[in-house]
Amino acid sequence: LRSYVGRFDYNAYDRYLFQFNFRVDGSSKYAKGHRYGFFPSVSAAWRFTEEEFLKDYLSSWLSLGKFRISYGTTGNNSGVGRFEQVETLSQWNYIMGNDQIAKGFANKKMINKDLTWEVSKVFNLGLDLGFLNNRLRTEIDFYNRLRTGMNRPSQMSIHLTGAYSAPRANIGDLLNRGLELNLTWKDKIGNVEYSVNLNGAYNRTVLKEWNEFLSRGWVYLDMPYHFLYVYENNGIAQTWQDIYNNTPQGLSPGDVIRKDLNGDGIIDGKDKKAYPNIQRDRPTTTYGITLQAAWKGFDISMLFNGGLGRKD
């Protein structure tokens, strides 16, 4: 990996903040002509509580106020093997005349010479607020991240069998959009310092592009990536009569009954139901609380967290 990194910072009156970053990354994992990527980013912030025309109105209750905005790109080459884009040979036996076996070599794999960096394009809006001499701090962030040219193993053809496997390719675009909230109270009572932090985040994914065949499953355009797609249950069979009253499923009393959603008298993959608000891999919503206290060199901390919107 070879990288060139640069940064430019500008700070005016401690109120107007600007930063420009650039990086050029080159990876030997890719074939020549596709090894380098340019990934710039830019950010700006405005500390509006430092403005003279606002201080008289805000200083009595607002200690800190900063608005942030940024946009940037980063490259990802994870998942690509060191020699995945290099042609390699494996030993192969050939049958010649007179049924003689001759040892030789054959290409071991297929290579996608056009494979290149997966790129993440991130837009972020943020607001930092401090109240009561910054004893109460609030951070609110909205982000929109688009992953383009996702680096994924390809299928290429359902007829590809035998010694060859399909090469990796830049297959699809995935959008991540979410909101994050961080709320902290920090104060002191006598010799006891304490803090309480509340945090929460909501994230939603949407698959925007996919340049390969999509079979019925957990990946579908304009839906969350790996959304829940399952049979719907209709209770548990208590008696044989419960089994007779439902679509034939090869059940016994005590088994879960599946709903025949399309009403064709057969339970198969066409009876699965999509749940677009539930993900299989990770929660859509996370939240937590952190409690800390310190007294004369002794400290204690407690952390509680949880998640919603994930089922498997």
Protein backbone atom coordinates (compact mmCIF):
# COMPACT_ATOMS: atom_id res chain seq x y z
CA LEU A 1 0.00 0.00 0.00
CA ARG A 2 1.36 3.42 -0.98
CA SER A 3 -0.38 6.58 0.14
CA TYR A 4 0.07 10.32 -0.23
CA VAL A 5 -1.79 12.36 2.38
CA GLY A 6 -2.23 16.11 2.79
CA ARG A 7 -4.26 18.52 4.91
CA PHE A 8 -5.05 22.22 4.84
CA ASP A 9 -6.54 23.97 7.91
CA TYR A 10 -7.95 27.47 8.23
CA ASN A 11 -9.16 29.09 11.45
CA ALA A 12 -10.56 32.64 11.44
CA TYR A 13 -11.21 34.40 14.77
CA ASP A 14 -11.84 31.01 16.41
CA ARG A 15 -15.29 31.15 14.81
CA TYR A 16 -14.93 29.99 11.21
CA LEU A 17 -13.17 26.65 10.78
CA PHE A 18 -12.30 25.04 7.47
CA GLN A 19 -10.38 21.88 6.62
CA PHE A 20 -9.50 20.18 3.33
CA ASN A 21 -7.97 16.71 3.21
CA PHE A 22 -6.76 14.64 0.33
CA ARG A 23 -5.25 11.22 0.03
CA VAL A 24 -4.12 9.12 -2.89
CA ASP A 25 -4.03 5.43 -2.10
CA GLY A 26 -2.42 2.78 -4.28
CA SER A 27 -2.83 -0.93 -3.62
CA SER A 28 -0.88 -3.76 -5.25
CA LYS A 29 -3.93 -5.97 -4.74
CA TYR A 30 -5.39 -4.53 -7.95
CA ALA A 31 -4.17 -4.92 -11.51
CA LYS A 32 -2.10 -2.18 -13.16
CA GLY A 33 -4.21 0.74 -14.28
CA HIS A 34 -6.68 0.31 -11.41
CA ARG A 35 -4.39 0.50 -8.38
CA TYR A 36 -4.72 4.17 -7.41
CA GLY A 37 -7.68 6.09 -6.09
CA PHE A 38 -8.09 9.77 -5.13
CA PHE A 39 -10.14 10.36 -1.96
CA PRO A 40 -10.63 14.01 -0.92
CA SER A 41 -12.74 15.44 1.89
CA VAL A 42 -13.76 18.89 3.06
CA SER A 43 -15.34 20.14 6.28
CA ALA A 44 -16.42 23.47 7.75
CA ALA A 45 -17.68 24.64 11.14
CA TRP A 46 -19.19 27.81 12.54
CA ARG A 47 -18.99 28.59 16.28
CA PHE A 48 -21.93 30.95 16.33
CA THR A 49 -21.75 31.55 20.09
CA GLU A 50 -18.51 33.50 19.46
CA GLU A 51 -20.33 36.04 17.29
CA GLU A 52 -20.56 39.43 19.00
CA PHE A 53 -24.10 40.10 17.74
CA LEU A 54 -25.31 36.84 19.34
CA LYS A 55 -23.40 36.81 22.61
CA ASP A 56 -25.82 39.13 24.42
CA TYR A 57 -28.74 36.87 23.57
CA LEU A 58 -27.11 33.47 24.10
CA SER A 59 -24.43 33.82 26.78
CA SER A 60 -26.90 33.57 29.68
CA TRP A 61 -27.96 30.04 28.79
CA LEU A 62 -25.87 28.73 25.87
CA SER A 63 -22.16 28.18 26.52
CA LEU A 64 -21.24 26.51 23.25
CA GLY A 65 -22.87 26.42 19.84
CA LYS A 66 -21.17 24.98 16.78
CA PHE A 67 -22.61 23.97 13.42
CA ARG A 68 -20.64 21.40 11.38
CA ILE A 69 -20.88 20.21 7.78
CA SER A 70 -18.61 17.83 5.89
CA TYR A 71 -18.34 15.72 2.77
CA GLY A 72 -15.66 13.21 1.98
CA THR A 73 -14.67 9.97 0.31
CA THR A 74 -12.65 6.98 1.47
CA GLY A 75 -11.46 3.86 -0.33
CA ASN A 76 -11.77 0.25 0.76
CA ASN A 77 -9.75 -2.71 -0.52
CA SER A 78 -10.55 -5.20 2.23
CA GLY A 79 -11.59 -8.68 1.18
CA VAL A 80 -9.28 -8.72 -1.85
CA GLY A 81 -6.47 -11.25 -1.48
CA ARG A 82 -2.84 -10.24 -1.96
CA PHE A 83 -2.43 -12.31 -5.12
CA GLU A 84 -6.09 -12.51 -6.13
CA GLN A 85 -5.50 -10.28 -9.17
CA VAL A 86 -2.38 -12.15 -10.28
CA GLU A 87 -2.59 -15.02 -12.74
CA THR A 88 -1.47 -18.27 -11.13
CA LEU A 89 -1.06 -21.82 -12.42
CA SER A 90 -1.92 -25.17 -10.89
CA GLN A 91 -0.64 -28.59 -11.86
CA TRP A 92 -2.89 -30.44 -14.27
CA ASN A 93 -2.74 -33.95 -15.74
CA TYR A 94 -3.39 -34.48 -19.45
CA ILE A 95 -4.11 -37.75 -21.23
CA MET A 96 -1.98 -38.00 -24.37
CA GLY A 97 -1.82 -40.65 -27.07
CA ASN A 98 -1.64 -44.30 -26.00
CA ASP A 99 -3.38 -43.30 -22.77
CA GLN A 100 -0.21 -41.78 -21.42
CA ILE A 101 -0.62 -39.23 -18.63
CA ALA A 102 1.45 -36.10 -19.05
CA LYS A 103 1.83 -33.54 -16.27
CA GLY A 104 1.32 -29.91 -17.18
CA PHE A 105 -0.10 -26.63 -15.92
CA ALA A 106 -3.36 -24.75 -16.35
CA ASN A 107 -4.72 -21.37 -15.31
CA LYS A 108 -6.02 -21.73 -11.78
CA LYS A 109 -8.57 -18.92 -11.75
CA MET A 110 -10.31 -16.19 -13.69
CA ILE A 111 -9.30 -12.57 -13.09
CA ASN A 112 -11.34 -9.38 -13.34
CA LYS A 113 -8.74 -6.88 -14.54
CA ASP A 114 -11.19 -3.99 -13.99
CA LEU A 115 -11.59 -4.60 -10.23
CA THR A 116 -10.79 -1.43 -8.29
CA TRP A 117 -11.45 0.46 -5.06
CA GLU A 118 -14.80 0.41 -3.32
CA VAL A 119 -15.61 4.03 -2.50
CA SER A 120 -17.63 5.49 0.39
CA LYS A 121 -19.05 8.99 -0.09
CA VAL A 122 -20.15 10.50 3.22
CA PHE A 123 -22.15 13.66 3.87
CA ASN A 124 -22.54 14.78 7.51
CA LEU A 125 -24.43 17.56 9.28
CA GLY A 126 -23.73 18.16 12.95
CA LEU A 127 -24.73 20.47 15.79
CA ASP A 128 -22.84 20.81 19.10
CA LEU A 129 -24.49 22.62 22.00
CA GLY A 130 -23.32 23.36 25.54
CA PHE A 131 -25.59 24.59 28.31
CA LEU A 132 -25.00 25.84 31.87
CA ASN A 133 -21.24 26.41 31.50
CA ASN A 134 -20.96 23.23 29.44
CA ARG A 135 -22.20 21.00 32.21
CA LEU A 136 -24.78 19.79 29.72
CA ARG A 137 -23.39 18.90 26.28
CA THR A 138 -25.41 17.78 23.26
CA GLU A 139 -24.17 16.39 19.94
CA ILE A 140 -26.58 15.73 17.06
CA ASP A 141 -25.42 14.25 13.74
CA PHE A 142 -27.16 13.34 10.51
CA TYR A 143 -25.18 11.32 7.96
CA ASN A 144 -25.70 9.99 4.47
CA ARG A 145 -23.15 7.43 3.28
CA LEU A 146 -23.19 5.91 -0.20
CA ARG A 147 -20.93 2.94 -0.88
CA THR A 148 -20.29 2.64 -4.62
CA GLY A 149 -18.67 -0.24 -6.46
CA MET A 150 -19.06 -2.65 -3.57
CA ASN A 151 -16.28 -5.25 -3.62
CA ARG A 152 -18.11 -8.58 -3.72
CA PRO A 153 -17.58 -12.12 -5.05
CA SER A 154 -19.47 -12.32 -8.33
CA GLN A 155 -21.65 -15.03 -9.76
CA MET A 156 -20.96 -14.15 -13.42
CA SER A 157 -22.86 -17.18 -14.76
CA ILE A 158 -24.93 -19.95 -13.22
CA HIS A 159 -23.30 -22.27 -15.78
CA LEU A 160 -19.78 -21.64 -14.45
CA THR A 161 -18.70 -24.90 -12.82
CA GLY A 162 -15.65 -27.10 -12.47
CA ALA A 163 -12.16 -25.79 -11.82
CA TYR A 164 -13.03 -22.11 -12.28
CA SER A 165 -14.80 -19.80 -9.89
CA ALA A 166 -16.14 -16.36 -10.76
CA PRO A 167 -13.80 -13.45 -9.93
CA ARG A 168 -14.52 -10.64 -7.50
CA ALA A 169 -16.20 -7.55 -8.99
CA ASN A 170 -17.47 -4.05 -8.14
CA ILE A 171 -21.10 -5.07 -7.99
CA GLY A 172 -23.47 -2.65 -6.27
CA ASP A 173 -24.21 0.62 -4.47
CA LEU A 174 -25.49 0.70 -0.90
CA LEU A 175 -26.92 3.76 0.89
CA ASN A 176 -26.63 4.18 4.67
CA ARG A 177 -28.60 7.01 6.24
CA GLY A 178 -28.97 7.72 9.92
CA LEU A 179 -29.18 9.99 12.94
CA GLU A 180 -27.02 10.00 16.08
CA LEU A 181 -27.60 11.73 19.42
CA ASN A 182 -25.18 12.13 22.31
CA LEU A 183 -26.25 13.84 25.57
CA THR A 184 -23.84 14.31 28.51
CA TRP A 185 -24.29 15.88 31.94
CA LYS A 186 -21.07 16.40 33.89
CA ASP A 187 -20.86 18.11 37.28
CA LYS A 188 -19.28 18.02 40.74
CA ILE A 189 -20.76 17.83 44.24
CA GLY A 190 -18.12 18.48 46.88
CA ASN A 191 -15.30 16.00 46.22
CA VAL A 192 -17.47 13.80 44.02
CA GLU A 193 -17.26 14.20 40.26
CA TYR A 194 -19.97 12.48 38.25
CA SER A 195 -21.31 12.27 34.72
CA VAL A 196 -24.31 10.77 32.94
CA ASN A 197 -24.23 10.06 29.21
CA LEU A 198 -27.19 9.09 27.03
CA ASN A 199 -26.69 8.08 23.42
CA GLY A 200 -28.84 6.75 20.62
CA ALA A 201 -28.56 6.08 16.89
CA TYR A 202 -30.86 5.10 14.05
CA ASN A 203 -29.61 3.69 10.75
CA ARG A 204 -31.38 2.52 7.61
CA THR A 205 -29.78 0.86 4.59
CA VAL A 206 -31.13 0.80 1.04
CA LEU A 207 -29.65 -1.15 -1.86
CA LYS A 208 -29.52 1.26 -4.82
CA GLU A 209 -27.69 -0.68 -7.54
CA TRP A 210 -26.78 -4.32 -8.18
CA ASN A 211 -25.40 -5.40 -11.54
CA GLU A 212 -25.93 -9.13 -11.14
CA PHE A 213 -28.90 -11.47 -11.06
CA LEU A 214 -30.90 -11.24 -7.83
CA SER A 215 -32.60 -14.43 -6.74
CA ARG A 216 -35.43 -14.41 -4.19
CA GLY A 217 -33.76 -13.77 -0.86
CA TRP A 218 -32.41 -11.07 1.46
CA VAL A 219 -30.99 -8.78 -1.24
CA TYR A 220 -33.38 -6.70 -3.33
CA LEU A 221 -33.25 -3.28 -4.97
CA ASP A 222 -34.74 -0.33 -3.05
CA MET A 223 -34.90 -2.47 0.10
CA PRO A 224 -32.61 -2.65 3.15
CA TYR A 225 -29.57 -4.84 2.56
CA HIS A 226 -30.28 -8.22 4.24
CA PHE A 227 -33.80 -7.39 5.39
CA LEU A 228 -35.84 -10.08 7.13
CA TYR A 229 -37.52 -12.43 4.65
CA VAL A 230 -39.16 -15.40 6.36
CA TYR A 231 -42.23 -17.60 6.62
CA GLU A 232 -45.03 -16.26 8.78
CA ASN A 233 -46.14 -18.49 11.60
CA ASN A 234 -49.75 -19.39 12.35
CA GLY A 235 -49.30 -20.76 15.85
CA ILE A 236 -48.35 -24.23 17.09
CA ALA A 237 -50.26 -27.35 16.15
CA GLN A 238 -51.93 -28.65 19.33
CA THR A 239 -53.92 -31.48 17.81
CA TRP A 240 -54.09 -33.49 14.58
CA GLN A 241 -57.20 -31.48 13.70
CA ASP A 242 -55.06 -28.31 13.67
CA ILE A 243 -52.83 -29.98 11.11
CA TYR A 244 -55.78 -31.11 8.94
CA ASN A 245 -57.20 -27.57 8.97
CA ASN A 246 -54.04 -26.07 7.47
CA THR A 247 -52.14 -26.44 4.22
CA PRO A 248 -50.28 -29.80 4.15
CA GLN A 249 -46.84 -29.32 5.68
CA GLY A 250 -45.78 -32.69 7.06
CA LEU A 251 -46.43 -31.59 10.63
CA SER A 252 -47.00 -33.35 13.92
CA PRO A 253 -48.63 -31.92 17.06
CA GLY A 254 -46.17 -29.51 18.65
CA ASP A 255 -44.77 -28.21 15.33
CA VAL A 256 -45.01 -24.62 14.14
CA ILE A 257 -47.68 -24.06 11.45
CA ARG A 258 -46.68 -21.87 8.50
CA LYS A 259 -49.15 -19.58 6.75
CA ASP A 260 -49.98 -20.21 3.10
CA LEU A 261 -49.70 -16.53 2.15
CA ASN A 262 -50.39 -16.90 -1.57
CA GLY A 263 -53.14 -19.49 -1.05
CA ASP A 264 -51.88 -22.00 -3.64
CA GLY A 265 -52.14 -24.97 -1.27
CA ILE A 266 -48.34 -25.43 -1.14
CA ILE A 267 -45.85 -24.20 1.42
CA ASP A 268 -42.70 -23.11 -0.43
CA GLY A 269 -40.42 -20.10 -0.86
CA LYS A 270 -43.26 -18.10 -2.46
CA ASP A 271 -44.96 -17.92 0.95
CA LYS A 272 -42.18 -15.92 2.61
CA LYS A 273 -42.94 -12.39 3.77
CA ALA A 274 -40.64 -9.35 3.58
CA TYR A 275 -40.13 -7.12 6.64
CA PRO A 276 -38.43 -3.95 5.32
CA ASN A 277 -38.08 -2.37 8.77
CA ILE A 278 -36.20 -5.33 10.26
CA GLN A 279 -32.58 -6.22 9.45
CA ARG A 280 -30.79 -9.54 9.84
CA ASP A 281 -27.19 -8.39 10.38
CA ARG A 282 -27.46 -5.46 12.77
CA PRO A 283 -30.04 -3.40 14.70
CA THR A 284 -31.68 -0.40 13.09
CA THR A 285 -31.66 1.43 16.44
CA THR A 286 -29.06 1.37 19.23
CA TYR A 287 -29.12 3.17 22.56
CA GLY A 288 -27.14 3.30 25.78
CA ILE A 289 -26.45 5.03 29.08
CA THR A 290 -23.09 5.44 30.84
CA LEU A 291 -22.82 6.42 34.51
CA GLN A 292 -19.52 7.51 36.06
CA ALA A 293 -18.45 8.84 39.44
CA ALA A 294 -15.09 9.55 41.11
CA TRP A 295 -14.10 10.42 44.70
CA LYS A 296 -10.57 10.90 46.07
CA GLY A 297 -8.89 8.49 43.65
CA PHE A 298 -11.71 5.94 43.58
CA ASP A 299 -13.98 5.70 40.56
CA ILE A 300 -16.87 3.60 39.36
CA SER A 301 -18.57 3.31 35.98
CA MET A 302 -21.60 1.46 34.64
CA LEU A 303 -22.66 0.92 31.04
CA PHE A 304 -26.03 -0.24 29.73
CA ASN A 305 -26.83 -0.59 26.03
CA GLY A 306 -29.35 -2.19 23.76
CA GLY A 307 -30.60 -2.49 20.21
CA LEU A 308 -33.86 -2.71 18.29
CA GLY A 309 -34.86 -3.75 14.78
CA ARG A 310 -32.78 -6.93 14.31
CA LYS A 311 -34.19 -10.43 14.01
CA ASP A 312 -32.86 -13.63 12.52
